[in-house]
């Protein structure tokens, strides 16, 4: 975990934005630093979470479509599209977050 943090500036010095998840068992933040954005999802429950979506009204992210690359965790991930304000609504990066699972996803502007 320390190696991952050291390799990604957003995890060390990036702004922290807490996302609305619509699931009380899912904690999610968006970390943004100059040149990098990282999405973190943590399932705090003993069951997989599939009924969720992520929302933030504005952030420091540039408007556009982002590819999602796993830093920690695996699966198939959907692209993210942000508004002019850097926000997004009802984004579902993956179908399911495993029980007690953590996903760390790098967002790269296409």
N, C-alpha and C. Protein backbone atom coordinates (compact mmCIF):
# COMPACT_ATOMS: atom_id res chain seq x y z
N UNK A 1 0.81 -1.18 0.00
CA UNK A 1 0.00 0.00 0.00
C UNK A 1 0.87 1.26 0.00
N UNK A 2 1.96 1.23 0.74
CA UNK A 2 2.87 2.38 0.79
C UNK A 2 3.46 2.62 -0.60
N UNK A 3 3.82 1.56 -1.30
CA UNK A 3 4.37 1.67 -2.65
C UNK A 3 3.36 2.35 -3.58
N UNK A 4 2.09 1.94 -3.48
CA UNK A 4 1.03 2.53 -4.30
C UNK A 4 0.90 4.02 -4.01
N UNK A 5 0.89 4.37 -2.76
CA UNK A 5 0.78 5.78 -2.36
C UNK A 5 1.96 6.59 -2.88
N UNK A 6 3.16 6.04 -2.78
CA UNK A 6 4.35 6.74 -3.25
C UNK A 6 4.36 6.91 -4.77
N UNK A 7 3.75 6.00 -5.50
CA UNK A 7 3.73 6.06 -6.96
C UNK A 7 2.69 7.02 -7.52
N UNK A 8 1.75 7.48 -6.71
CA UNK A 8 0.66 8.31 -7.20
C UNK A 8 0.52 9.58 -6.36
N UNK A 9 0.91 10.71 -6.96
CA UNK A 9 0.90 11.99 -6.26
C UNK A 9 -0.48 12.33 -5.70
N UNK A 10 -1.53 11.97 -6.42
CA UNK A 10 -2.89 12.30 -5.96
C UNK A 10 -3.19 11.64 -4.61
N UNK A 11 -2.58 10.50 -4.33
CA UNK A 11 -2.82 9.82 -3.06
C UNK A 11 -2.01 10.43 -1.92
N UNK A 12 -0.99 11.21 -2.26
CA UNK A 12 -0.16 11.85 -1.24
C UNK A 12 -0.56 13.29 -0.98
N UNK A 13 -0.71 14.07 -2.04
CA UNK A 13 -0.89 15.52 -1.88
C UNK A 13 -2.16 16.04 -2.54
N UNK A 14 -2.93 15.19 -3.12
CA UNK A 14 -4.12 15.64 -3.85
C UNK A 14 -5.23 16.13 -2.96
N UNK A 15 -6.06 17.01 -3.54
CA UNK A 15 -7.27 17.45 -2.85
C UNK A 15 -8.16 16.24 -2.62
N UNK A 16 -8.88 16.25 -1.51
CA UNK A 16 -9.79 15.15 -1.17
C UNK A 16 -11.23 15.62 -1.35
N UNK A 17 -11.98 14.89 -2.18
CA UNK A 17 -13.40 15.17 -2.41
C UNK A 17 -14.18 13.92 -2.03
N UNK A 18 -15.07 14.04 -1.04
CA UNK A 18 -15.91 12.91 -0.64
C UNK A 18 -17.10 12.86 -1.58
N UNK A 19 -17.36 11.69 -2.14
CA UNK A 19 -18.45 11.52 -3.10
C UNK A 19 -19.72 11.03 -2.43
N UNK A 20 -20.85 11.39 -3.00
CA UNK A 20 -22.13 10.81 -2.59
C UNK A 20 -22.21 9.45 -3.25
N UNK A 21 -22.53 8.39 -2.47
CA UNK A 21 -22.51 7.03 -3.00
C UNK A 21 -23.87 6.37 -3.10
N UNK A 22 -24.86 6.86 -2.40
CA UNK A 22 -26.19 6.26 -2.32
C UNK A 22 -26.17 4.86 -1.71
N UNK A 23 -25.11 4.52 -1.00
CA UNK A 23 -25.02 3.26 -0.27
C UNK A 23 -24.29 3.54 1.03
N UNK A 24 -24.95 3.28 2.15
CA UNK A 24 -24.34 3.59 3.45
C UNK A 24 -23.10 2.75 3.74
N UNK A 25 -22.93 1.63 3.06
CA UNK A 25 -21.78 0.77 3.29
C UNK A 25 -20.60 1.06 2.39
N UNK A 26 -20.73 2.05 1.51
CA UNK A 26 -19.65 2.34 0.55
C UNK A 26 -19.10 3.73 0.82
N UNK A 27 -17.78 3.80 1.03
CA UNK A 27 -17.08 5.05 1.22
C UNK A 27 -16.31 5.32 -0.06
N UNK A 28 -16.40 6.54 -0.59
CA UNK A 28 -15.69 6.86 -1.82
C UNK A 28 -15.15 8.28 -1.80
N UNK A 29 -13.91 8.42 -2.24
CA UNK A 29 -13.29 9.73 -2.36
C UNK A 29 -12.65 9.86 -3.74
N UNK A 30 -12.51 11.10 -4.15
CA UNK A 30 -11.81 11.45 -5.38
C UNK A 30 -10.62 12.29 -4.96
N UNK A 31 -9.41 11.83 -5.30
CA UNK A 31 -8.18 12.56 -4.97
C UNK A 31 -7.64 13.16 -6.27
N UNK A 32 -7.38 14.46 -6.24
CA UNK A 32 -6.93 15.15 -7.45
C UNK A 32 -5.68 15.96 -7.12
N UNK A 33 -4.63 15.73 -7.91
CA UNK A 33 -3.42 16.54 -7.81
C UNK A 33 -3.14 17.09 -9.20
N UNK A 34 -2.12 17.89 -9.31
CA UNK A 34 -1.76 18.42 -10.62
C UNK A 34 -1.39 17.25 -11.54
N UNK A 35 -2.20 17.03 -12.56
CA UNK A 35 -1.90 15.99 -13.53
C UNK A 35 -2.41 14.60 -13.23
N UNK A 36 -3.09 14.38 -12.09
CA UNK A 36 -3.57 13.03 -11.79
C UNK A 36 -4.86 13.08 -10.97
N UNK A 37 -5.76 12.15 -11.29
CA UNK A 37 -6.99 11.98 -10.51
C UNK A 37 -7.13 10.50 -10.18
N UNK A 38 -7.49 10.22 -8.92
CA UNK A 38 -7.63 8.85 -8.45
C UNK A 38 -8.95 8.73 -7.70
N UNK A 39 -9.69 7.68 -8.03
CA UNK A 39 -10.96 7.38 -7.38
C UNK A 39 -10.75 6.19 -6.45
N UNK A 40 -11.20 6.33 -5.19
CA UNK A 40 -11.05 5.26 -4.20
C UNK A 40 -12.45 4.84 -3.74
N UNK A 41 -12.72 3.54 -3.78
CA UNK A 41 -13.98 2.99 -3.27
C UNK A 41 -13.65 1.94 -2.22
N UNK A 42 -14.31 2.02 -1.07
CA UNK A 42 -14.09 1.06 0.01
C UNK A 42 -15.44 0.53 0.46
N UNK A 43 -15.63 -0.78 0.33
CA UNK A 43 -16.83 -1.44 0.83
C UNK A 43 -16.61 -1.78 2.29
N UNK A 44 -17.38 -1.16 3.17
CA UNK A 44 -17.24 -1.34 4.61
C UNK A 44 -18.08 -2.48 5.16
N UNK A 45 -18.72 -3.25 4.27
CA UNK A 45 -19.63 -4.30 4.71
C UNK A 45 -19.11 -5.69 4.33
N UNK A 46 -19.77 -6.71 4.89
CA UNK A 46 -19.38 -8.09 4.62
C UNK A 46 -20.13 -8.69 3.43
N UNK A 47 -20.81 -7.85 2.66
CA UNK A 47 -21.50 -8.31 1.45
C UNK A 47 -21.11 -7.42 0.27
N UNK A 48 -21.07 -7.97 -0.92
CA UNK A 48 -20.76 -7.15 -2.10
C UNK A 48 -21.82 -6.06 -2.28
N UNK A 49 -21.41 -4.91 -2.80
CA UNK A 49 -22.33 -3.81 -3.05
C UNK A 49 -22.47 -3.62 -4.55
N UNK A 50 -23.72 -3.72 -5.03
CA UNK A 50 -23.99 -3.52 -6.45
C UNK A 50 -25.02 -2.42 -6.68
N UNK A 51 -25.71 -2.00 -5.65
CA UNK A 51 -26.71 -0.94 -5.76
C UNK A 51 -26.09 0.37 -5.26
N UNK A 52 -25.40 1.07 -6.14
CA UNK A 52 -24.74 2.32 -5.77
C UNK A 52 -24.53 3.16 -7.02
N UNK A 53 -24.24 4.41 -6.81
CA UNK A 53 -23.76 5.29 -7.87
C UNK A 53 -22.99 6.42 -7.19
N UNK A 54 -22.09 7.05 -7.94
CA UNK A 54 -21.23 8.09 -7.39
C UNK A 54 -21.59 9.43 -8.00
N UNK A 55 -21.63 10.47 -7.16
CA UNK A 55 -21.99 11.80 -7.62
C UNK A 55 -21.16 12.85 -6.90
N UNK A 56 -20.75 13.85 -7.66
CA UNK A 56 -20.13 15.06 -7.10
C UNK A 56 -20.49 16.20 -8.04
N UNK A 57 -20.89 17.33 -7.49
CA UNK A 57 -21.36 18.43 -8.34
C UNK A 57 -20.23 19.18 -9.02
N UNK A 58 -19.08 19.32 -8.34
CA UNK A 58 -17.94 19.98 -8.97
C UNK A 58 -16.64 19.48 -8.36
N UNK A 59 -15.58 19.56 -9.16
CA UNK A 59 -14.26 19.16 -8.70
C UNK A 59 -13.23 19.89 -9.56
N UNK A 60 -11.97 19.65 -9.28
CA UNK A 60 -10.88 20.27 -10.04
C UNK A 60 -10.56 19.49 -11.32
N UNK A 61 -11.31 18.45 -11.62
CA UNK A 61 -11.07 17.69 -12.85
C UNK A 61 -11.51 18.50 -14.06
N UNK A 62 -10.79 18.34 -15.16
CA UNK A 62 -11.17 18.98 -16.41
C UNK A 62 -12.39 18.28 -17.00
N UNK A 63 -13.18 19.03 -17.74
CA UNK A 63 -14.33 18.43 -18.42
C UNK A 63 -13.82 17.46 -19.49
N UNK A 64 -14.51 16.35 -19.63
CA UNK A 64 -14.13 15.38 -20.66
C UNK A 64 -14.44 13.96 -20.25
N UNK A 65 -13.93 13.03 -21.04
CA UNK A 65 -14.12 11.60 -20.78
C UNK A 65 -12.80 11.00 -20.32
N UNK A 66 -12.89 10.22 -19.26
CA UNK A 66 -11.71 9.62 -18.64
C UNK A 66 -11.75 8.10 -18.76
N UNK A 67 -10.60 7.52 -19.09
CA UNK A 67 -10.41 6.07 -19.01
C UNK A 67 -10.14 5.73 -17.55
N UNK A 68 -10.55 4.54 -17.14
CA UNK A 68 -10.38 4.10 -15.76
C UNK A 68 -9.42 2.91 -15.76
N UNK A 69 -8.30 3.07 -15.04
CA UNK A 69 -7.29 2.02 -14.95
C UNK A 69 -7.12 1.60 -13.50
N UNK A 70 -7.18 0.31 -13.22
CA UNK A 70 -7.04 -0.13 -11.83
C UNK A 70 -5.61 0.02 -11.30
N UNK A 71 -5.49 0.61 -10.13
CA UNK A 71 -4.23 0.65 -9.40
C UNK A 71 -4.24 -0.48 -8.38
N UNK A 72 -5.40 -0.63 -7.71
CA UNK A 72 -5.61 -1.72 -6.75
C UNK A 72 -6.99 -2.30 -7.01
N UNK A 73 -7.05 -3.59 -7.19
CA UNK A 73 -8.31 -4.25 -7.51
C UNK A 73 -8.35 -4.61 -8.99
N UNK A 74 -9.36 -5.35 -9.36
CA UNK A 74 -9.47 -5.76 -10.75
C UNK A 74 -10.94 -5.77 -11.16
N UNK A 75 -11.16 -5.86 -12.44
CA UNK A 75 -12.52 -5.88 -12.95
C UNK A 75 -12.62 -5.13 -14.25
N UNK A 76 -13.84 -4.94 -14.70
CA UNK A 76 -14.13 -4.16 -15.88
C UNK A 76 -14.69 -2.82 -15.41
N UNK A 77 -14.15 -1.73 -15.94
CA UNK A 77 -14.51 -0.41 -15.45
C UNK A 77 -15.04 0.47 -16.59
N UNK A 78 -16.07 1.23 -16.28
CA UNK A 78 -16.70 2.13 -17.25
C UNK A 78 -15.96 3.46 -17.28
N UNK A 79 -15.89 4.07 -18.47
CA UNK A 79 -15.34 5.40 -18.60
C UNK A 79 -16.17 6.39 -17.77
N UNK A 80 -15.55 7.49 -17.39
CA UNK A 80 -16.20 8.54 -16.62
C UNK A 80 -16.23 9.81 -17.47
N UNK A 81 -17.39 10.47 -17.54
CA UNK A 81 -17.50 11.74 -18.25
C UNK A 81 -17.84 12.82 -17.23
N UNK A 82 -17.03 13.90 -17.24
CA UNK A 82 -17.23 15.00 -16.31
C UNK A 82 -17.81 16.22 -17.02
N UNK A 83 -18.51 17.04 -16.25
CA UNK A 83 -19.12 18.27 -16.76
C UNK A 83 -18.08 19.40 -16.79
N UNK A 84 -18.49 20.57 -17.25
CA UNK A 84 -17.61 21.74 -17.27
C UNK A 84 -17.14 22.10 -15.88
N UNK A 85 -17.92 21.78 -14.86
CA UNK A 85 -17.55 22.06 -13.46
C UNK A 85 -16.72 20.92 -12.85
N UNK A 86 -16.40 19.90 -13.64
CA UNK A 86 -15.62 18.77 -13.13
C UNK A 86 -16.44 17.77 -12.35
N UNK A 87 -17.76 17.92 -12.38
CA UNK A 87 -18.64 17.01 -11.65
C UNK A 87 -19.17 15.88 -12.51
N UNK A 88 -19.84 14.97 -11.85
CA UNK A 88 -20.50 13.86 -12.54
C UNK A 88 -21.63 13.36 -11.66
N UNK A 89 -22.55 12.66 -12.28
CA UNK A 89 -23.73 12.21 -11.55
C UNK A 89 -24.06 10.77 -11.93
N UNK A 90 -24.42 9.98 -10.93
CA UNK A 90 -24.86 8.60 -11.10
C UNK A 90 -23.85 7.75 -11.85
N UNK A 91 -22.58 7.96 -11.58
CA UNK A 91 -21.51 7.18 -12.20
C UNK A 91 -21.36 5.85 -11.47
N UNK A 92 -21.31 4.77 -12.24
CA UNK A 92 -21.11 3.42 -11.70
C UNK A 92 -19.86 2.86 -12.38
N UNK A 93 -18.72 2.90 -11.69
CA UNK A 93 -17.47 2.47 -12.32
C UNK A 93 -17.38 0.97 -12.60
N UNK A 94 -18.02 0.17 -11.75
CA UNK A 94 -17.99 -1.28 -11.91
C UNK A 94 -19.29 -1.85 -11.33
N UNK A 95 -19.68 -3.00 -11.81
CA UNK A 95 -20.97 -3.58 -11.41
C UNK A 95 -21.05 -3.90 -9.93
N UNK A 96 -19.91 -4.25 -9.32
CA UNK A 96 -19.95 -4.69 -7.92
C UNK A 96 -18.64 -4.37 -7.22
N UNK A 97 -18.75 -3.91 -5.98
CA UNK A 97 -17.58 -3.71 -5.12
C UNK A 97 -17.59 -4.87 -4.12
N UNK A 98 -16.54 -5.70 -4.12
CA UNK A 98 -16.54 -6.90 -3.27
C UNK A 98 -16.65 -6.59 -1.78
N UNK A 99 -17.12 -7.56 -1.03
CA UNK A 99 -17.22 -7.44 0.43
C UNK A 99 -15.86 -7.05 1.00
N UNK A 100 -15.85 -6.04 1.86
CA UNK A 100 -14.63 -5.52 2.47
C UNK A 100 -13.55 -5.18 1.43
N UNK A 101 -13.95 -4.95 0.21
CA UNK A 101 -13.02 -4.68 -0.87
C UNK A 101 -12.67 -3.21 -1.01
N UNK A 102 -11.48 -2.97 -1.54
CA UNK A 102 -11.02 -1.62 -1.86
C UNK A 102 -10.59 -1.58 -3.31
N UNK A 103 -11.08 -0.58 -4.02
CA UNK A 103 -10.68 -0.34 -5.40
C UNK A 103 -10.04 1.03 -5.45
N UNK A 104 -8.85 1.10 -6.05
CA UNK A 104 -8.19 2.38 -6.30
C UNK A 104 -8.02 2.48 -7.80
N UNK A 105 -8.63 3.50 -8.39
CA UNK A 105 -8.72 3.62 -9.84
C UNK A 105 -8.12 4.94 -10.32
N UNK A 106 -7.22 4.86 -11.26
CA UNK A 106 -6.63 6.05 -11.86
C UNK A 106 -7.51 6.50 -13.01
N UNK A 107 -7.78 7.80 -13.08
CA UNK A 107 -8.63 8.38 -14.13
C UNK A 107 -7.72 9.16 -15.08
N UNK A 108 -7.73 8.76 -16.37
CA UNK A 108 -6.89 9.41 -17.36
C UNK A 108 -7.74 10.03 -18.45
N UNK A 109 -7.57 11.34 -18.66
CA UNK A 109 -8.32 12.05 -19.68
C UNK A 109 -7.98 11.50 -21.05
N UNK A 110 -9.01 11.18 -21.82
CA UNK A 110 -8.79 10.62 -23.16
C UNK A 110 -8.43 11.72 -24.14
